Protein backbone atom coordinates (compact mmCIF):
# COMPACT_ATOMS: atom_id res chain seq x y z
CA MET A 1 0.43 0.08 -0.04
CA ASN A 2 1.12 3.08 -0.96
CA SER A 3 1.06 6.23 1.72
CA ARG A 4 -0.68 9.29 0.71
CA CYS A 5 0.83 12.43 0.43
CA VAL A 6 -0.22 16.51 -0.12
CA ALA A 7 0.05 18.28 -3.23
CA ILE A 8 -0.29 22.09 -3.17
CA CYS A 9 0.13 24.33 -6.11
CA GLN A 10 0.43 28.21 -5.77
CA LEU A 11 1.19 30.84 -7.12
CA SER A 12 5.44 31.69 -6.67
CA SER A 13 5.34 34.47 -3.76
CA GLN A 14 8.61 34.67 -5.55
CA PRO A 15 9.47 38.58 -7.50
CA GLN A 16 8.91 38.45 -10.67
CA GLU A 17 11.72 39.98 -11.84
CA ASP A 18 13.89 37.61 -10.16
CA PHE A 19 11.90 34.48 -11.16
CA ASP A 20 11.41 33.06 -14.27
CA VAL A 21 8.71 31.00 -13.62
CA ASN A 22 4.93 31.89 -11.04
CA THR A 23 3.32 28.93 -10.30
CA GLU A 24 4.49 26.14 -8.35
CA LEU A 25 3.30 22.42 -7.17
CA LEU A 26 5.20 21.43 -4.17
CA ILE A 27 3.86 17.64 -3.16
CA LEU A 28 4.67 16.81 1.07
CA GLU A 29 5.79 13.24 1.24
CA GLY A 30 7.31 12.37 4.76
CA ASN A 31 10.19 14.55 5.68
CA GLU A 32 11.13 15.55 1.40
CA VAL A 33 9.25 17.86 -0.38
CA HIS A 34 9.41 18.22 -4.01
CA ILE A 35 9.01 20.69 -6.49
CA SER A 36 7.90 21.46 -10.17
CA THR A 37 7.72 24.81 -11.37
CA TRP A 38 6.67 25.97 -14.99
CA ASP A 39 5.45 29.50 -16.47
CA ALA A 40 1.42 29.29 -16.81
CA GLU A 41 -1.37 31.76 -15.26
CA PRO A 42 -4.38 30.03 -13.68
CA ARG A 43 -7.50 30.02 -15.44
CA ASP A 44 -11.20 30.89 -14.76
CA GLY A 45 -10.03 31.56 -11.26
CA GLY A 46 -8.25 28.06 -11.30
CA PHE A 47 -5.37 26.29 -11.99
CA ASP A 48 -5.68 23.85 -14.95
CA VAL A 49 -6.01 20.62 -14.18
CA HIS A 50 -4.87 18.81 -16.90
CA VAL A 51 -1.60 20.34 -16.48
CA LEU A 52 -1.50 19.49 -12.52
CA ASN A 53 -2.21 16.03 -13.19
CA ASP A 54 0.69 15.42 -15.48
CA ARG A 55 3.17 18.12 -13.25
CA VAL A 56 2.13 15.45 -10.75
CA ASP A 57 2.86 12.53 -13.36
CA ALA A 58 6.14 14.16 -13.24
CA LEU A 59 6.82 14.28 -10.19
CA GLY A 60 6.72 10.04 -10.00
CA PHE A 61 2.93 10.90 -8.14
CA MET A 62 -0.14 9.95 -9.04
CA VAL A 63 -3.55 11.98 -8.22
CA VAL A 64 -5.85 9.66 -6.44
CA THR A 65 -8.88 12.63 -5.17
CA ASP A 66 -10.19 15.68 -7.40
CA TRP A 67 -7.99 18.66 -6.72
CA GLN A 68 -10.25 20.95 -4.98
CA PHE A 69 -9.03 25.53 -5.08
CA LEU A 70 -9.53 27.54 -2.18
CA ASP A 71 -7.85 30.51 -1.63
CA GLY A 72 -6.18 30.78 -5.20
CA LYS A 73 -4.70 27.29 -4.20
CA ALA A 74 -4.80 23.79 -5.33
CA TYR A 75 -4.81 20.62 -3.36
CA ALA A 76 -4.92 17.39 -3.85
CA VAL A 77 -4.09 13.89 -2.40
CA VAL A 78 -1.44 12.06 -4.18
CA GLU A 79 0.75 8.82 -3.43
CA ARG A 80 3.92 7.60 -5.24
CA ARG A 81 3.37 5.66 -8.36
CA THR A 82 4.78 1.65 -7.37
CA ASP A 83 6.07 1.57 -11.53
CA HIS A 84 8.20 5.17 -11.19
CA GLY A 85 11.55 4.70 -8.98
CA ALA A 86 11.94 6.75 -5.70
CA GLY A 87 13.54 9.59 -7.88
CA PRO A 88 14.98 12.66 -6.40
CA SER A 89 13.60 14.60 -3.25
CA LEU A 90 13.84 18.33 -5.02
CA THR A 91 13.26 18.88 -8.48
CA SER A 92 12.74 22.75 -9.52
CA ARG A 93 12.08 24.13 -12.97
């Protein structure tokens, strides 16, 4: 059985002139944080679910609940894919 983790997607709080992306996805897995960043704007008050699912998949996880949107952030429960290795604990840009 895989342990479930939390995925949070939000707009970056980094100053735009010093940071070439504006969206970040964080997956909290035990004592590790997995990060994916990219340049994209939320559409219609929310993030693109297909892009979120692709980003989660690229980090070696799969979404097990629907994405929920609250206060400009997206949240989902994810678990590590069994067909991927442990992967790095930090992935960025």
